């Protein structure tokens, strides 16, 4: 019964394309069909639904109220179908595929530069990375695992600690020299970059440094660390950024660490995966590789500590 209500996919695609362009001619060009074929498919859809989706006004078409509502509702479904198709096509040529949810800056700055090593060790493994900012239900999302920052709390999942987060104050060398930053208190009088999800970071750092200031919450706000680091590189201000996100910039001199005083967060990064689900070989291989990489990162950090 449910299938009887679902129009053929080709008619939905023709309608969406025509509605997006408000032109049967341009829809025909995009779909490599004739204008008559598009018009026929839309007419068949209208007959099936029993409603008019377009009005013909002189030499153009406009959506009816029903057409606008229907376009809004089916567009998401078509996008999901497209995403699902691309997802399953990614399995071609791979013995197994890992679907992983990652935090954007972690994925860009820490994980992506290391992916080649994983692919070299496990050449038959496929890997799909998607961004997720918040915990989700593994029963409802098609993921085998996720990178999580915070506390080791994720409903229905096991969380394994990767490493802690050491947040350091950084800026470009030109910014530091121009503002003559020589002691922690100097940061209270210069432009500072704020992360929207961590509004207390500068307040906590100033408290740690013993600096009294009422300007801790001032400064341009950004959604992600990757945006803050780029702004800092281009002399926009001082920033508090996890050190492992900017190791390359510190090594190259694009950023400099302003002071040795670091803010050690109580939270950490974790690899989480569904509890009670048999771990597929590709997931087990990725987990082992990821834990080894995290252990190496911790060892490197400890070797750089004074004393």
C-alpha atoms as a PDB file:
ATOM      1  CA  UNK A   1       0.000   0.000   0.000  1.00  0.00           C
ATOM      2  CA  UNK A   2       2.785   2.454   0.871  1.00  0.00           C
ATOM      3  CA  UNK A   3       4.515   1.871  -2.463  1.00  0.00           C
ATOM      4  CA  UNK A   4       1.294   2.798  -4.280  1.00  0.00           C
ATOM      5  CA  UNK A   5       1.629   6.359  -2.995  1.00  0.00           C
ATOM      6  CA  UNK A   6       5.253   6.802  -4.125  1.00  0.00           C
ATOM      7  CA  UNK A   7       5.580   8.315  -7.616  1.00  0.00           C
ATOM      8  CA  UNK A   8       8.286   6.968  -9.952  1.00  0.00           C
ATOM      9  CA  UNK A   9      11.706   8.456  -9.250  1.00  0.00           C
ATOM     10  CA  UNK A  10      12.101   9.838 -12.775  1.00  0.00           C
ATOM     11  CA  UNK A  11       8.981  11.973 -12.406  1.00  0.00           C
ATOM     12  CA  UNK A  12      10.184  13.329  -9.057  1.00  0.00           C
ATOM     13  CA  UNK A  13      13.583  14.161 -10.503  1.00  0.00           C
ATOM     14  CA  UNK A  14      11.993  15.890 -13.481  1.00  0.00           C
ATOM     15  CA  UNK A  15       9.737  17.925 -11.198  1.00  0.00           C
ATOM     16  CA  UNK A  16      12.571  18.947  -8.855  1.00  0.00           C
ATOM     17  CA  UNK A  17      14.775  19.996 -11.732  1.00  0.00           C
ATOM     18  CA  UNK A  18      12.010  21.970 -13.454  1.00  0.00           C
ATOM     19  CA  UNK A  19      11.030  23.624 -10.168  1.00  0.00           C
ATOM     20  CA  UNK A  20      14.629  24.568  -9.432  1.00  0.00           C
ATOM     21  CA  UNK A  21      15.075  26.214 -12.828  1.00  0.00           C
ATOM     22  CA  UNK A  22      11.424  27.264 -13.277  1.00  0.00           C
ATOM     23  CA  UNK A  23      11.957  26.097 -16.825  1.00  0.00           C
ATOM     24  CA  UNK A  24      11.151  22.857 -18.648  1.00  0.00           C
ATOM     25  CA  UNK A  25      13.783  23.734 -21.245  1.00  0.00           C
ATOM     26  CA  UNK A  26      16.626  24.121 -18.742  1.00  0.00           C
ATOM     27  CA  UNK A  27      15.506  20.994 -16.875  1.00  0.00           C
ATOM     28  CA  UNK A  28      15.612  19.077 -20.158  1.00  0.00           C
ATOM     29  CA  UNK A  29      19.139  20.323 -20.837  1.00  0.00           C
ATOM     30  CA  UNK A  30      20.339  19.272 -17.375  1.00  0.00           C
ATOM     31  CA  UNK A  31      18.732  15.814 -17.542  1.00  0.00           C
ATOM     32  CA  UNK A  32      19.603  15.267 -21.245  1.00  0.00           C
ATOM     33  CA  UNK A  33      15.952  14.838 -22.201  1.00  0.00           C
ATOM     34  CA  UNK A  34      13.596  16.693 -24.493  1.00  0.00           C
ATOM     35  CA  UNK A  35      11.366  19.489 -23.268  1.00  0.00           C
ATOM     36  CA  UNK A  36       8.368  17.366 -24.208  1.00  0.00           C
ATOM     37  CA  UNK A  37       9.617  14.500 -22.032  1.00  0.00           C
ATOM     38  CA  UNK A  38       9.959  16.786 -19.019  1.00  0.00           C
ATOM     39  CA  UNK A  39       6.512  18.270 -19.589  1.00  0.00           C
ATOM     40  CA  UNK A  40       5.014  14.782 -19.905  1.00  0.00           C
ATOM     41  CA  UNK A  41       6.646  13.532 -16.674  1.00  0.00           C
ATOM     42  CA  UNK A  42       5.449  16.583 -14.739  1.00  0.00           C
ATOM     43  CA  UNK A  43       1.931  16.152 -16.133  1.00  0.00           C
ATOM     44  CA  UNK A  44       1.953  12.477 -15.117  1.00  0.00           C
ATOM     45  CA  UNK A  45       3.048  13.485 -11.614  1.00  0.00           C
ATOM     46  CA  UNK A  46       0.290  16.079 -11.367  1.00  0.00           C
ATOM     47  CA  UNK A  47      -2.278  13.516 -12.541  1.00  0.00           C
ATOM     48  CA  UNK A  48      -1.034  11.004  -9.974  1.00  0.00           C
ATOM     49  CA  UNK A  49      -1.156  13.530  -7.140  1.00  0.00           C
ATOM     50  CA  UNK A  50      -4.380  15.120  -8.249  1.00  0.00           C
ATOM     51  CA  UNK A  51      -3.002  18.638  -7.803  1.00  0.00           C
ATOM     52  CA  UNK A  52      -1.493  21.270 -10.050  1.00  0.00           C
ATOM     53  CA  UNK A  53       2.218  21.836  -9.299  1.00  0.00           C
ATOM     54  CA  UNK A  54       2.915  24.547 -11.885  1.00  0.00           C
ATOM     55  CA  UNK A  55       0.924  27.368 -13.381  1.00  0.00           C
ATOM     56  CA  UNK A  56       1.684  28.334 -16.935  1.00  0.00           C
ATOM     57  CA  UNK A  57       1.942  32.123 -17.117  1.00  0.00           C
ATOM     58  CA  UNK A  58       2.553  33.420 -20.643  1.00  0.00           C
ATOM     59  CA  UNK A  59       5.912  31.892 -21.701  1.00  0.00           C
ATOM     60  CA  UNK A  60       7.055  30.766 -18.243  1.00  0.00           C
ATOM     61  CA  UNK A  61       6.071  28.479 -15.399  1.00  0.00           C
ATOM     62  CA  UNK A  62       5.629  29.281 -11.703  1.00  0.00           C
ATOM     63  CA  UNK A  63       5.115  26.970  -8.756  1.00  0.00           C
ATOM     64  CA  UNK A  64       1.712  26.752  -7.141  1.00  0.00           C
ATOM     65  CA  UNK A  65       1.451  26.744  -3.353  1.00  0.00           C
ATOM     66  CA  UNK A  66       1.142  22.949  -3.478  1.00  0.00           C
ATOM     67  CA  UNK A  67       4.175  22.809  -5.763  1.00  0.00           C
ATOM     68  CA  UNK A  68       6.314  24.857  -3.372  1.00  0.00           C
ATOM     69  CA  UNK A  69       5.354  22.639  -0.436  1.00  0.00           C
ATOM     70  CA  UNK A  70       5.976  19.448  -2.409  1.00  0.00           C
ATOM     71  CA  UNK A  71       9.344  20.696  -3.673  1.00  0.00           C
ATOM     72  CA  UNK A  72      10.477  21.459  -0.121  1.00  0.00           C
ATOM     73  CA  UNK A  73       9.436  18.019   1.120  1.00  0.00           C
ATOM     74  CA  UNK A  74      10.829  15.845  -1.678  1.00  0.00           C
ATOM     75  CA  UNK A  75      14.108  17.742  -2.106  1.00  0.00           C
ATOM     76  CA  UNK A  76      15.432  16.335   1.186  1.00  0.00           C
ATOM     77  CA  UNK A  77      14.360  12.824   0.185  1.00  0.00           C
ATOM     78  CA  UNK A  78      16.134  13.104  -3.173  1.00  0.00           C
ATOM     79  CA  UNK A  79      19.291  14.384  -1.485  1.00  0.00           C
ATOM     80  CA  UNK A  80      19.183  11.425   0.918  1.00  0.00           C
ATOM     81  CA  UNK A  81      18.794   9.022  -2.006  1.00  0.00           C
ATOM     82  CA  UNK A  82      21.753  10.643  -3.750  1.00  0.00           C
ATOM     83  CA  UNK A  83      23.898  10.462  -0.606  1.00  0.00           C
ATOM     84  CA  UNK A  84      22.917   6.823  -0.019  1.00  0.00           C
ATOM     85  CA  UNK A  85      23.809   5.934  -3.608  1.00  0.00           C
ATOM     86  CA  UNK A  86      27.205   7.621  -3.402  1.00  0.00           C
ATOM     87  CA  UNK A  87      27.793   5.903  -0.067  1.00  0.00           C
ATOM     88  CA  UNK A  88      27.181   2.427  -1.417  1.00  0.00           C
ATOM     89  CA  UNK A  89      29.233   3.189  -4.563  1.00  0.00           C
ATOM     90  CA  UNK A  90      32.215   3.893  -2.291  1.00  0.00           C
ATOM     91  CA  UNK A  91      32.310   0.168  -1.489  1.00  0.00           C
ATOM     92  CA  UNK A  92      33.425  -0.606  -5.043  1.00  0.00           C
ATOM     93  CA  UNK A  93      37.019  -1.838  -5.066  1.00  0.00           C
ATOM     94  CA  UNK A  94      37.266  -2.136  -1.290  1.00  0.00           C
ATOM     95  CA  UNK A  95      37.035  -5.307   0.708  1.00  0.00           C
ATOM     96  CA  UNK A  96      35.429  -3.359   3.553  1.00  0.00           C
ATOM     97  CA  UNK A  97      34.509   0.251   4.250  1.00  0.00           C
ATOM     98  CA  UNK A  98      34.681   2.168   7.515  1.00  0.00           C
ATOM     99  CA  UNK A  99      32.174   4.982   8.012  1.00  0.00           C
ATOM    100  CA  UNK A 100      33.523   7.409  10.593  1.00  0.00           C
ATOM    101  CA  UNK A 101      32.065  10.580  12.127  1.00  0.00           C
ATOM    102  CA  UNK A 102      34.706  13.174  13.019  1.00  0.00           C
ATOM    103  CA  UNK A 103      34.968  16.641  14.474  1.00  0.00           C
ATOM    104  CA  UNK A 104      35.893  19.080  11.680  1.00  0.00           C
ATOM    105  CA  UNK A 105      39.138  20.508  13.066  1.00  0.00           C
ATOM    106  CA  UNK A 106      40.302  17.146  14.396  1.00  0.00           C
ATOM    107  CA  UNK A 107      39.616  15.592  11.016  1.00  0.00           C
ATOM    108  CA  UNK A 108      41.368  18.381   9.113  1.00  0.00           C
ATOM    109  CA  UNK A 109      44.388  19.028  11.313  1.00  0.00           C
ATOM    110  CA  UNK A 110      45.157  15.705  13.020  1.00  0.00           C
ATOM    111  CA  UNK A 111      43.487  12.798  11.246  1.00  0.00           C
ATOM    112  CA  UNK A 112      43.690  13.737   7.555  1.00  0.00           C
ATOM    113  CA  UNK A 113      47.515  14.095   7.493  1.00  0.00           C
ATOM    114  CA  UNK A 114      47.804  10.565   8.891  1.00  0.00           C
ATOM    115  CA  UNK A 115      45.231   8.818   6.703  1.00  0.00           C
ATOM    116  CA  UNK A 116      47.816   7.900   4.051  1.00  0.00           C
ATOM    117  CA  UNK A 117      49.603   5.743   6.639  1.00  0.00           C
ATOM    118  CA  UNK A 118      46.388   3.864   7.466  1.00  0.00           C
ATOM    119  CA  UNK A 119      45.687   3.324   3.752  1.00  0.00           C
ATOM    120  CA  UNK A 120      49.236   2.062   3.229  1.00  0.00           C
ATOM    121  CA  UNK A 121      48.897  -0.455   6.054  1.00  0.00           C
ATOM    122  CA  UNK A 122      45.386  -1.563   5.067  1.00  0.00           C
ATOM    123  CA  UNK A 123      45.145  -1.054   1.285  1.00  0.00           C
ATOM    124  CA  UNK A 124      41.896  -3.014   0.968  1.00  0.00           C
ATOM    125  CA  UNK A 125      40.065  -0.838   3.488  1.00  0.00           C
ATOM    126  CA  UNK A 126      37.803   1.974   2.337  1.00  0.00           C
ATOM    127  CA  UNK A 127      37.181   5.038   4.485  1.00  0.00           C
ATOM    128  CA  UNK A 128      34.317   7.537   4.518  1.00  0.00           C
ATOM    129  CA  UNK A 129      34.634  10.562   6.816  1.00  0.00           C
ATOM    130  CA  UNK A 130      31.664  12.753   7.731  1.00  0.00           C
ATOM    131  CA  UNK A 131      31.367  15.669  10.140  1.00  0.00           C
ATOM    132  CA  UNK A 132      29.265  15.374  13.284  1.00  0.00           C
ATOM    133  CA  UNK A 133      29.514  17.916  16.091  1.00  0.00           C
ATOM    134  CA  UNK A 134      27.322  16.200  18.680  1.00  0.00           C
ATOM    135  CA  UNK A 135      26.814  12.617  19.926  1.00  0.00           C
ATOM    136  CA  UNK A 136      24.211  10.654  17.948  1.00  0.00           C
ATOM    137  CA  UNK A 137      22.459   7.296  18.091  1.00  0.00           C
ATOM    138  CA  UNK A 138      24.506   4.608  16.334  1.00  0.00           C
ATOM    139  CA  UNK A 139      21.252   2.743  15.683  1.00  0.00           C
ATOM    140  CA  UNK A 140      19.961   5.650  13.599  1.00  0.00           C
ATOM    141  CA  UNK A 141      23.169   6.859  11.913  1.00  0.00           C
ATOM    142  CA  UNK A 142      25.221   4.692   9.495  1.00  0.00           C
ATOM    143  CA  UNK A 143      28.525   5.036  11.350  1.00  0.00           C
ATOM    144  CA  UNK A 144      30.942   2.433  12.676  1.00  0.00           C
ATOM    145  CA  UNK A 145      32.679   4.860  15.038  1.00  0.00           C
ATOM    146  CA  UNK A 146      33.226   8.494  15.884  1.00  0.00           C
ATOM    147  CA  UNK A 147      35.782  10.919  17.272  1.00  0.00           C
ATOM    148  CA  UNK A 148      34.370  12.607  20.353  1.00  0.00           C
ATOM    149  CA  UNK A 149      35.645  15.474  22.498  1.00  0.00           C
ATOM    150  CA  UNK A 150      34.369  15.914  26.029  1.00  0.00           C
ATOM    151  CA  UNK A 151      33.630  13.404  28.750  1.00  0.00           C
ATOM    152  CA  UNK A 152      33.600   9.638  28.083  1.00  0.00           C
ATOM    153  CA  UNK A 153      29.801   9.613  28.015  1.00  0.00           C
ATOM    154  CA  UNK A 154      27.976   8.415  24.895  1.00  0.00           C
ATOM    155  CA  UNK A 155      24.733   6.444  25.163  1.00  0.00           C
ATOM    156  CA  UNK A 156      25.047   2.922  23.786  1.00  0.00           C
ATOM    157  CA  UNK A 157      28.736   3.291  22.938  1.00  0.00           C
ATOM    158  CA  UNK A 158      32.192   2.457  24.281  1.00  0.00           C
ATOM    159  CA  UNK A 159      34.603   5.396  24.584  1.00  0.00           C
ATOM    160  CA  UNK A 160      38.367   4.824  24.485  1.00  0.00           C
ATOM    161  CA  UNK A 161      40.614   7.722  25.421  1.00  0.00           C
ATOM    162  CA  UNK A 162      42.977   8.976  22.737  1.00  0.00           C
ATOM    163  CA  UNK A 163      44.706  11.924  24.421  1.00  0.00           C
ATOM    164  CA  UNK A 164      44.162  14.975  26.566  1.00  0.00           C
ATOM    165  CA  UNK A 165      44.067  18.471  25.230  1.00  0.00           C
ATOM    166  CA  UNK A 166      46.808  21.020  25.960  1.00  0.00           C
ATOM    167  CA  UNK A 167      45.620  24.495  24.940  1.00  0.00           C
ATOM    168  CA  UNK A 168      48.386  27.034  24.284  1.00  0.00           C
ATOM    169  CA  UNK A 169      48.394  30.775  23.516  1.00  0.00           C
ATOM    170  CA  UNK A 170      49.648  31.489  19.999  1.00  0.00           C
ATOM    171  CA  UNK A 171      49.880  34.335  17.514  1.00  0.00           C
ATOM    172  CA  UNK A 172      51.812  35.274  14.427  1.00  0.00           C
ATOM    173  CA  UNK A 173      55.334  36.528  15.031  1.00  0.00           C
ATOM    174  CA  UNK A 174      54.408  39.867  13.437  1.00  0.00           C
ATOM    175  CA  UNK A 175      51.421  40.282  15.759  1.00  0.00           C
ATOM    176  CA  UNK A 176      53.526  39.464  18.812  1.00  0.00           C
ATOM    177  CA  UNK A 177      56.234  41.937  17.859  1.00  0.00           C
ATOM    178  CA  UNK A 178      53.859  44.700  16.791  1.00  0.00           C
ATOM    179  CA  UNK A 179      51.990  44.579  20.099  1.00  0.00           C
ATOM    180  CA  UNK A 180      55.172  44.031  22.123  1.00  0.00           C
ATOM    181  CA  UNK A 181      53.820  41.012  23.961  1.00  0.00           C
ATOM    182  CA  UNK A 182      56.378  40.147  26.637  1.00  0.00           C
ATOM    183  CA  UNK A 183      54.360  39.017  29.667  1.00  0.00           C
ATOM    184  CA  UNK A 184      50.946  37.314  30.152  1.00  0.00           C
ATOM    185  CA  UNK A 185      49.289  40.560  31.254  1.00  0.00           C
ATOM    186  CA  UNK A 186      50.034  42.041  27.822  1.00  0.00           C
ATOM    187  CA  UNK A 187      47.429  39.720  26.304  1.00  0.00           C
ATOM    188  CA  UNK A 188      44.699  41.542  28.206  1.00  0.00           C
ATOM    189  CA  UNK A 189      45.204  44.647  26.047  1.00  0.00           C
ATOM    190  CA  UNK A 190      45.487  43.095  22.562  1.00  0.00           C
ATOM    191  CA  UNK A 191      42.869  41.624  20.195  1.00  0.00           C
ATOM    192  CA  UNK A 192      42.051  38.051  21.147  1.00  0.00           C
ATOM    193  CA  UNK A 193      40.219  35.383  19.174  1.00  0.00           C
ATOM    194  CA  UNK A 194      37.409  33.502  20.905  1.00  0.00           C
ATOM    195  CA  UNK A 195      35.907  30.066  20.229  1.00  0.00           C
ATOM    196  CA  UNK A 196      32.116  30.277  20.489  1.00  0.00           C
ATOM    197  CA  UNK A 197      31.808  26.840  22.113  1.00  0.00           C
ATOM    198  CA  UNK A 198      34.454  27.627  24.751  1.00  0.00           C
ATOM    199  CA  UNK A 199      33.594  31.113  26.006  1.00  0.00           C
ATOM    200  CA  UNK A 200      35.472  30.648  29.297  1.00  0.00           C
ATOM    201  CA  UNK A 201      38.842  29.681  27.803  1.00  0.00           C
ATOM    202  CA  UNK A 202      40.550  33.090  28.027  1.00  0.00           C
ATOM    203  CA  UNK A 203      39.070  33.721  31.462  1.00  0.00           C
ATOM    204  CA  UNK A 204      40.524  30.423  32.664  1.00  0.00           C
ATOM    205  CA  UNK A 205      43.913  31.143  31.110  1.00  0.00           C
ATOM    206  CA  UNK A 206      44.137  34.605  32.691  1.00  0.00           C
ATOM    207  CA  UNK A 207      43.199  33.103  36.074  1.00  0.00           C
ATOM    208  CA  UNK A 208      45.937  30.505  35.639  1.00  0.00           C
ATOM    209  CA  UNK A 209      48.411  33.262  34.776  1.00  0.00           C
ATOM    210  CA  UNK A 210      47.337  35.374  37.754  1.00  0.00           C
ATOM    211  CA  UNK A 211      46.180  38.213  35.515  1.00  0.00           C
ATOM    212  CA  UNK A 212      43.213  40.293  36.617  1.00  0.00           C
ATOM    213  CA  UNK A 213      41.239  41.708  33.717  1.00  0.00           C
ATOM    214  CA  UNK A 214      37.666  42.501  32.779  1.00  0.00           C
ATOM    215  CA  UNK A 215      38.321  42.020  29.054  1.00  0.00           C
ATOM    216  CA  UNK A 216      38.610  38.214  29.012  1.00  0.00           C
ATOM    217  CA  UNK A 217      35.400  37.745  27.026  1.00  0.00           C
ATOM    218  CA  UNK A 218      36.152  40.361  24.397  1.00  0.00           C
ATOM    219  CA  UNK A 219      37.237  39.503  20.873  1.00  0.00           C
ATOM    220  CA  UNK A 220      36.014  38.157  17.553  1.00  0.00           C
ATOM    221  CA  UNK A 221      34.203  34.823  17.872  1.00  0.00           C
ATOM    222  CA  UNK A 222      34.595  31.797  15.601  1.00  0.00           C
ATOM    223  CA  UNK A 223      32.812  28.460  15.328  1.00  0.00           C
ATOM    224  CA  UNK A 224      35.869  26.230  14.812  1.00  0.00           C
ATOM    225  CA  UNK A 225      39.544  26.075  15.748  1.00  0.00           C
ATOM    226  CA  UNK A 226      40.555  25.862  12.093  1.00  0.00           C
ATOM    227  CA  UNK A 227      39.013  29.299  11.539  1.00  0.00           C
ATOM    228  CA  UNK A 228      40.763  30.735  14.589  1.00  0.00           C
ATOM    229  CA  UNK A 229      44.152  29.376  13.549  1.00  0.00           C
ATOM    230  CA  UNK A 230      43.853  30.895  10.069  1.00  0.00           C
ATOM    231  CA  UNK A 231      42.855  34.240  11.584  1.00  0.00           C
ATOM    232  CA  UNK A 232      45.821  34.094  13.967  1.00  0.00           C
ATOM    233  CA  UNK A 233      48.226  33.239  11.133  1.00  0.00           C
ATOM    234  CA  UNK A 234      47.028  36.358   9.338  1.00  0.00           C
ATOM    235  CA  UNK A 235      47.705  38.607  12.354  1.00  0.00           C
ATOM    236  CA  UNK A 236      44.080  39.039  13.528  1.00  0.00           C
ATOM    237  CA  UNK A 237      44.834  38.350  17.186  1.00  0.00           C
ATOM    238  CA  UNK A 238      46.109  36.012  19.862  1.00  0.00           C
ATOM    239  CA  UNK A 239      44.412  32.634  20.140  1.00  0.00           C
ATOM    240  CA  UNK A 240      44.101  29.710  22.522  1.00  0.00           C
ATOM    241  CA  UNK A 241      44.375  26.545  20.441  1.00  0.00           C
ATOM    242  CA  UNK A 242      45.077  22.873  21.242  1.00  0.00           C
ATOM    243  CA  UNK A 243      48.757  22.383  20.527  1.00  0.00           C
ATOM    244  CA  UNK A 244      48.358  19.292  18.390  1.00  0.00           C
ATOM    245  CA  UNK A 245      46.137  21.289  16.013  1.00  0.00           C
ATOM    246  CA  UNK A 246      48.909  23.774  15.235  1.00  0.00           C
ATOM    247  CA  UNK A 247      52.079  21.691  15.472  1.00  0.00           C
ATOM    248  CA  UNK A 248      52.878  22.255  11.792  1.00  0.00           C
ATOM    249  CA  UNK A 249      52.335  26.011  12.073  1.00  0.00           C
ATOM    250  CA  UNK A 250      54.527  26.214  15.174  1.00  0.00           C
ATOM    251  CA  UNK A 251      57.257  24.183  13.477  1.00  0.00           C
ATOM    252  CA  UNK A 252      57.174  26.363  10.358  1.00  0.00           C
ATOM    253  CA  UNK A 253      57.049  29.639  12.277  1.00  0.00           C
ATOM    254  CA  UNK A 254      53.682  30.703  10.874  1.00  0.00           C
ATOM    255  CA  UNK A 255      52.575  30.790  14.505  1.00  0.00           C
ATOM    256  CA  UNK A 256      54.608  31.202  17.661  1.00  0.00           C
ATOM    257  CA  UNK A 257      53.789  30.054  21.146  1.00  0.00           C
ATOM    258  CA  UNK A 258      53.512  33.176  23.270  1.00  0.00           C
ATOM    259  CA  UNK A 259      54.084  31.637  26.709  1.00  0.00           C
ATOM    260  CA  UNK A 260      54.832  28.200  28.163  1.00  0.00           C
ATOM    261  CA  UNK A 261      51.751  28.437  30.356  1.00  0.00           C
ATOM    262  CA  UNK A 262      49.170  26.011  28.939  1.00  0.00           C
ATOM    263  CA  UNK A 263      45.572  25.346  29.813  1.00  0.00           C
ATOM    264  CA  UNK A 264      45.080  21.642  30.476  1.00  0.00           C
ATOM    265  CA  UNK A 265      41.422  20.830  29.952  1.00  0.00           C
ATOM    266  CA  UNK A 266      39.523  18.260  32.001  1.00  0.00           C
ATOM    267  CA  UNK A 267      38.016  16.902  28.803  1.00  0.00           C
ATOM    268  CA  UNK A 268      39.755  14.656  26.277  1.00  0.00           C
ATOM    269  CA  UNK A 269      39.437  13.129  22.801  1.00  0.00           C
ATOM    270  CA  UNK A 270      37.911   9.660  22.486  1.00  0.00           C
ATOM    271  CA  UNK A 271      37.275   7.035  19.864  1.00  0.00           C
ATOM    272  CA  UNK A 272      33.720   5.765  20.371  1.00  0.00           C
ATOM    273  CA  UNK A 273      32.012   2.818  18.759  1.00  0.00           C
ATOM    274  CA  UNK A 274      28.701   0.972  19.251  1.00  0.00           C
ATOM    275  CA  UNK A 275      28.378  -1.200  22.315  1.00  0.00           C
ATOM    276  CA  UNK A 276      27.195  -4.738  21.763  1.00  0.00           C
ATOM    277  CA  UNK A 277      27.846  -4.747  18.012  1.00  0.00           C
ATOM    278  CA  UNK A 278      30.343  -7.231  16.595  1.00  0.00           C
ATOM    279  CA  UNK A 279      33.372  -5.232  15.501  1.00  0.00           C
ATOM    280  CA  UNK A 280      34.088  -5.739  11.822  1.00  0.00           C
ATOM    281  CA  UNK A 281      37.719  -6.340  10.803  1.00  0.00           C
ATOM    282  CA  UNK A 282      38.070  -2.895   9.223  1.00  0.00           C
ATOM    283  CA  UNK A 283      36.816  -1.222  12.416  1.00  0.00           C
ATOM    284  CA  UNK A 284      39.188  -3.280  14.551  1.00  0.00           C
ATOM    285  CA  UNK A 285      42.087  -2.405  12.248  1.00  0.00           C
ATOM    286  CA  UNK A 286      41.275   1.306  12.355  1.00  0.00           C
ATOM    287  CA  UNK A 287      40.876   1.249  16.122  1.00  0.00           C
ATOM    288  CA  UNK A 288      44.287  -0.406  16.572  1.00  0.00           C
ATOM    289  CA  UNK A 289      45.942   2.040  14.178  1.00  0.00           C
ATOM    290  CA  UNK A 290      44.267   5.071  15.764  1.00  0.00           C
ATOM    291  CA  UNK A 291      45.250   4.055  19.295  1.00  0.00           C
ATOM    292  CA  UNK A 292      48.871   3.565  18.154  1.00  0.00           C
ATOM    293  CA  UNK A 293      48.909   7.028  16.554  1.00  0.00           C
ATOM    294  CA  UNK A 294      47.438   8.592  19.679  1.00  0.00           C
ATOM    295  CA  UNK A 295      49.996   6.799  21.864  1.00  0.00           C
ATOM    296  CA  UNK A 296      52.807   8.126  19.670  1.00  0.00           C
ATOM    297  CA  UNK A 297      51.377  11.644  19.951  1.00  0.00           C
ATOM    298  CA  UNK A 298      51.239  11.364  23.737  1.00  0.00           C
ATOM    299  CA  UNK A 299      54.815  10.078  23.881  1.00  0.00           C
ATOM    300  CA  UNK A 300      56.019  12.931  21.691  1.00  0.00           C
ATOM    301  CA  UNK A 301      54.248  15.483  23.882  1.00  0.00           C
ATOM    302  CA  UNK A 302      55.702  14.006  27.089  1.00  0.00           C
ATOM    303  CA  UNK A 303      59.222  14.026  25.636  1.00  0.00           C
ATOM    304  CA  UNK A 304      58.910  17.767  25.009  1.00  0.00           C
ATOM    305  CA  UNK A 305      57.914  18.601  28.583  1.00  0.00           C
ATOM    306  CA  UNK A 306      60.626  20.368  30.637  1.00  0.00           C
ATOM    307  CA  UNK A 307      62.613  18.389  33.159  1.00  0.00           C
END
